Amino acid sequence: MIDAQVHPMSDGAVLYDAALGAAPQAAWFEPAAAATALPSGGRGRVALVDTPAGRGVLRHYRRGGLVARVSADRYLWLGLERTRAFREFRLLAHLREAGLAVPAPLAARVQREGLRYRADLVTGLIADARTLAERIGGGEADEDLAARTGQAIARLHDAGCWHADLNAHNILVDATGTVWLIDFDRGRLRAPALGWQQQNLARLRRSLEKVGARRHLTAFEARLWHPLLAAYHAGLSNLAAARSGR
């Protein structure tokens, strides 16, 4: 159980999991203190930091597109609970408590500068994991992995969560074969609906094609996409049936 607590700071606040047994330290949010830099599926880079819960992944929120030329990492201040870091922390906490395989939220920092703010998020490291894009690039994707990916997305959608950037870089597979979903920036809970669920799947398919799934895998449709979709729809049906039978 995540015990989310807000720790006020002179220039903002930190939202953290008090169950860690220690108040957040500045070093958790400093890239210079990171032992290792890692490529990120989203914008920019992430880095590893040490926390009482073990290694954490630090991500600094950055803008993309044309607006980044004006302000690379500043966002309009609308209150603490509406900051991207606090919203992502709370969404991850909700999904973790629902039993989904998503990173554990450890701490979110918001630094206010008048009408703007900067933010960082630290989540638990998923050990020995590689992205779905990397698996595909190495020719390691098969029907079984596709099915497990479809099931993971089904559980996410059944929980009513819309992922803002569901792509092959934001799906991790660890050494045990567990499929994890990461990077929930701008994600939110919504009433289940075919429209946004299909939008998520369409975005994922475009990503798979962009990372070269058709080039690296023979019979892309039969080996990857169709098994993924079949497992996704079966997963939704099974979860709905389980609820109605309670």
Protein backbone atom coordinates (compact mmCIF):
# COMPACT_ATOMS: atom_id res chain seq x y z
CA MET A 1 0.00 0.00 0.00
CA ILE A 2 1.37 3.40 -1.01
CA ASP A 3 1.19 6.06 1.71
CA ALA A 4 1.22 9.26 -0.33
CA GLN A 5 2.28 12.31 1.67
CA VAL A 6 3.01 15.90 0.64
CA HIS A 7 6.25 17.42 1.96
CA PRO A 8 6.25 21.25 1.60
CA MET A 9 9.38 22.99 0.32
CA SER A 10 10.33 26.65 0.12
CA ASP A 11 9.83 26.68 -3.66
CA GLY A 12 7.16 24.00 -4.04
CA ALA A 13 6.51 20.53 -2.66
CA VAL A 14 7.36 16.85 -2.91
CA LEU A 15 4.75 14.11 -3.04
CA TYR A 16 6.28 10.85 -1.84
CA ASP A 17 5.53 7.39 -0.53
CA ALA A 18 5.94 7.64 3.24
CA ALA A 19 5.95 3.84 3.42
CA LEU A 20 9.56 4.07 2.23
CA GLY A 21 10.43 5.08 5.79
CA ALA A 22 12.41 8.18 4.87
CA ALA A 23 11.66 11.74 3.80
CA PRO A 24 12.75 12.56 0.23
CA GLN A 25 16.26 13.89 -0.23
CA ALA A 26 17.46 16.45 -2.77
CA ALA A 27 19.85 13.84 -4.21
CA TRP A 28 16.88 11.81 -5.44
CA PHE A 29 16.19 14.56 -7.98
CA GLU A 30 19.68 15.56 -9.03
CA PRO A 31 20.98 14.08 -12.31
CA ALA A 32 24.52 14.72 -11.08
CA ALA A 33 23.91 12.17 -8.33
CA ALA A 34 22.76 9.57 -10.82
CA ALA A 35 25.06 6.59 -11.19
CA THR A 36 23.89 5.70 -14.67
CA ALA A 37 22.17 7.50 -17.54
CA LEU A 38 19.58 5.55 -19.49
CA PRO A 39 17.83 6.18 -22.81
CA SER A 40 14.14 6.93 -22.38
CA GLY A 41 11.19 6.03 -24.54
CA GLY A 42 9.79 9.50 -24.03
CA ARG A 43 11.36 12.93 -24.36
CA GLY A 44 14.90 13.45 -23.17
CA ARG A 45 16.65 10.99 -20.89
CA VAL A 46 16.15 9.34 -17.56
CA ALA A 47 18.76 8.46 -14.95
CA LEU A 48 19.20 6.08 -12.04
CA VAL A 49 19.25 7.39 -8.47
CA ASP A 50 19.50 5.70 -5.08
CA THR A 51 16.47 5.73 -2.74
CA PRO A 52 15.51 3.84 0.44
CA ALA A 53 13.48 1.54 -1.82
CA GLY A 54 16.53 0.76 -3.95
CA ARG A 55 17.37 2.08 -7.38
CA GLY A 56 14.91 4.59 -8.77
CA VAL A 57 14.42 6.07 -12.23
CA LEU A 58 14.51 9.87 -12.34
CA ARG A 59 12.69 11.67 -15.13
CA HIS A 60 12.61 15.44 -15.59
CA TYR A 61 9.49 16.66 -17.37
CA ARG A 62 10.28 18.28 -20.71
CA ARG A 63 8.13 19.74 -23.42
CA GLY A 64 8.09 18.51 -26.99
CA GLY A 65 7.26 20.03 -30.33
CA LEU A 66 7.46 23.71 -31.24
CA VAL A 67 6.52 24.92 -27.75
CA ALA A 68 9.81 23.49 -26.45
CA ARG A 69 11.64 26.27 -28.31
CA VAL A 70 9.92 28.79 -26.07
CA SER A 71 9.99 26.85 -22.79
CA ALA A 72 11.80 23.51 -22.61
CA ASP A 73 10.64 22.44 -19.15
CA ARG A 74 8.30 25.06 -17.67
CA TYR A 75 4.56 24.53 -17.35
CA LEU A 76 1.67 26.79 -16.38
CA TRP A 77 0.96 26.72 -12.64
CA LEU A 78 -2.64 25.69 -11.89
CA GLY A 79 -2.11 24.25 -8.41
CA LEU A 80 -0.08 21.36 -6.98
CA GLU A 81 -2.61 18.62 -7.68
CA ARG A 82 -2.83 19.66 -11.34
CA THR A 83 0.91 19.47 -11.98
CA ARG A 84 2.04 16.70 -14.30
CA ALA A 85 4.27 15.11 -11.67
CA PHE A 86 1.59 14.91 -8.97
CA ARG A 87 -0.99 13.59 -11.42
CA GLU A 88 1.32 10.89 -12.73
CA PHE A 89 2.34 9.86 -9.20
CA ARG A 90 -1.28 9.50 -8.12
CA LEU A 91 -2.26 7.62 -11.29
CA LEU A 92 0.60 5.16 -10.81
CA ALA A 93 -0.38 4.68 -7.15
CA HIS A 94 -3.96 3.92 -8.21
CA LEU A 95 -2.86 1.42 -10.86
CA ARG A 96 -0.39 -0.29 -8.51
CA GLU A 97 -3.09 -0.75 -5.90
CA ALA A 98 -5.31 -2.22 -8.62
CA GLY A 99 -2.64 -4.85 -9.22
CA LEU A 100 -1.28 -3.63 -12.55
CA ALA A 101 2.35 -4.06 -13.59
CA VAL A 102 3.43 -0.41 -13.63
CA PRO A 103 6.41 1.28 -11.92
CA ALA A 104 6.09 2.12 -8.23
CA PRO A 105 5.84 5.89 -7.69
CA LEU A 106 8.47 6.93 -5.15
CA ALA A 107 8.52 10.73 -5.23
CA ALA A 108 7.35 13.66 -7.34
CA ARG A 109 8.94 17.11 -6.99
CA VAL A 110 7.40 20.38 -8.14
CA GLN A 111 9.36 23.65 -8.09
CA ARG A 112 7.22 26.74 -8.57
CA GLU A 113 8.49 29.88 -10.26
CA GLY A 114 5.68 32.41 -10.15
CA LEU A 115 3.07 31.33 -12.69
CA ARG A 116 5.21 28.46 -13.94
CA TYR A 117 6.73 25.30 -12.52
CA ARG A 118 9.30 22.60 -13.22
CA ALA A 119 8.81 18.97 -12.18
CA ASP A 120 10.53 15.63 -11.70
CA LEU A 121 9.34 12.11 -10.95
CA VAL A 122 11.17 9.18 -9.38
CA THR A 123 9.77 5.68 -9.91
CA GLY A 124 11.05 2.27 -8.94
CA LEU A 125 13.46 0.62 -11.36
CA ILE A 126 12.12 -2.41 -13.21
CA ALA A 127 15.16 -4.66 -13.08
CA ASP A 128 16.49 -6.63 -16.04
CA ALA A 129 13.92 -5.21 -18.43
CA ARG A 130 14.10 -4.34 -22.11
CA THR A 131 11.61 -2.45 -24.23
CA LEU A 132 9.30 -4.16 -26.67
CA ALA A 133 11.06 -2.15 -29.38
CA GLU A 134 14.38 -3.72 -28.38
CA ARG A 135 12.86 -7.19 -28.35
CA ILE A 136 11.50 -6.65 -31.83
CA GLY A 137 14.81 -5.24 -33.07
CA GLY A 138 16.56 -8.34 -31.77
CA GLY A 139 14.09 -10.66 -33.47
CA GLU A 140 12.89 -11.89 -30.06
CA ALA A 141 9.19 -11.09 -30.35
CA ASP A 142 6.83 -13.99 -30.89
CA GLU A 143 3.16 -14.92 -30.51
CA ASP A 144 3.54 -15.55 -26.77
CA LEU A 145 5.06 -12.14 -26.09
CA ALA A 146 2.41 -10.53 -28.28
CA ALA A 147 -0.33 -12.25 -26.29
CA ARG A 148 1.13 -11.17 -22.95
CA THR A 149 1.36 -7.61 -24.26
CA GLY A 150 -2.28 -7.70 -25.33
CA GLN A 151 -3.31 -8.99 -21.92
CA ALA A 152 -1.38 -6.23 -20.15
CA ILE A 153 -3.11 -3.56 -22.24
CA ALA A 154 -6.48 -5.20 -21.60
CA ARG A 155 -5.91 -4.95 -17.84
CA LEU A 156 -4.97 -1.29 -18.24
CA HIS A 157 -8.08 -0.48 -20.24
CA ASP A 158 -10.31 -2.51 -17.95
CA ALA A 159 -9.05 -0.31 -15.11
CA GLY A 160 -10.24 2.69 -17.14
CA CYS A 161 -6.78 4.09 -17.84
CA TRP A 162 -6.00 5.92 -21.05
CA HIS A 163 -2.27 5.96 -21.86
CA ALA A 164 -1.27 9.17 -23.63
CA ASP A 165 1.68 7.59 -25.45
CA LEU A 166 1.27 3.83 -25.73
CA ASN A 167 4.20 2.81 -27.91
CA ALA A 168 6.81 0.07 -28.24
CA HIS A 169 9.29 2.04 -26.11
CA ASN A 170 6.87 2.37 -23.20
CA ILE A 171 6.29 -1.37 -22.89
CA LEU A 172 8.95 -3.28 -20.96
CA VAL A 173 9.53 -7.02 -20.65
CA ASP A 174 11.56 -8.22 -17.66
CA ALA A 175 13.63 -11.37 -17.24
CA THR A 176 10.62 -13.34 -16.01
CA GLY A 177 8.57 -12.39 -19.07
CA THR A 178 6.31 -9.98 -17.20
CA VAL A 179 5.06 -7.13 -19.39
CA TRP A 180 5.19 -3.69 -17.76
CA LEU A 181 3.67 -0.43 -18.98
CA ILE A 182 5.57 2.78 -18.22
CA ASP A 183 5.49 6.57 -18.76
CA PHE A 184 2.02 7.67 -17.70
CA ASP A 185 2.63 11.40 -18.19
CA ARG A 186 -0.73 12.95 -19.22
CA GLY A 187 -2.46 9.59 -18.75
CA ARG A 188 -5.81 9.65 -16.99
CA LEU A 189 -8.72 7.56 -15.81
CA ARG A 190 -11.72 7.52 -18.12
CA ALA A 191 -14.98 5.66 -18.44
CA PRO A 192 -14.32 2.57 -20.60
CA ALA A 193 -15.20 3.35 -24.21
CA LEU A 194 -14.34 1.76 -27.53
CA GLY A 195 -13.17 5.06 -29.06
CA TRP A 196 -10.23 5.87 -26.79
CA GLN A 197 -9.30 2.21 -26.36
CA GLN A 198 -8.99 1.79 -30.13
CA GLN A 199 -7.05 5.05 -30.28
CA ASN A 200 -4.49 3.58 -27.88
CA LEU A 201 -4.18 0.42 -29.96
CA ALA A 202 -3.85 2.38 -33.20
CA ARG A 203 -1.03 4.44 -31.68
CA LEU A 204 0.74 1.26 -30.61
CA ARG A 205 0.44 -0.24 -34.08
CA ARG A 206 1.95 2.87 -35.68
CA SER A 207 4.80 2.64 -33.20
CA LEU A 208 5.41 -1.04 -33.97
CA GLU A 209 5.65 -0.27 -37.66
CA LYS A 210 7.89 2.72 -36.98
CA VAL A 211 10.42 0.59 -35.04
CA GLY A 212 10.56 -1.83 -37.95
CA ALA A 213 8.35 -4.70 -36.79
CA ARG A 214 7.53 -5.58 -40.39
CA ARG A 215 11.22 -5.59 -41.27
CA HIS A 216 12.44 -7.59 -38.28
CA LEU A 217 9.59 -10.10 -38.12
CA THR A 218 8.33 -12.28 -40.91
CA ALA A 219 4.54 -12.36 -41.03
CA PHE A 220 4.10 -9.31 -38.76
CA GLU A 221 0.31 -9.58 -38.77
CA ALA A 222 0.20 -13.30 -37.95
CA ARG A 223 3.11 -13.40 -35.47
CA LEU A 224 2.60 -10.18 -33.57
CA TRP A 225 -0.41 -8.01 -34.27
CA HIS A 226 -3.19 -10.59 -34.52
CA PRO A 227 -2.09 -12.52 -31.39
CA LEU A 228 -1.85 -9.20 -29.52
CA LEU A 229 -5.36 -8.17 -30.53
CA ALA A 230 -6.83 -11.61 -29.84
CA ALA A 231 -5.34 -11.67 -26.33
CA TYR A 232 -6.47 -8.09 -25.73
CA HIS A 233 -10.11 -8.77 -26.60
CA ALA A 234 -10.11 -12.09 -24.74
CA GLY A 235 -8.61 -10.36 -21.73
CA LEU A 236 -11.32 -7.69 -21.68
CA SER A 237 -14.03 -10.34 -21.97
CA ASN A 238 -12.56 -12.47 -19.19
CA LEU A 239 -12.19 -9.51 -16.86
CA ALA A 240 -15.79 -8.42 -17.51
CA ALA A 241 -17.03 -11.98 -16.93
CA ALA A 242 -15.07 -12.23 -13.68
CA ARG A 243 -16.70 -9.02 -12.39
CA SER A 244 -20.22 -10.11 -13.31
CA GLY A 245 -19.71 -13.46 -11.59
CA ARG A 246 -18.71 -12.00 -8.23
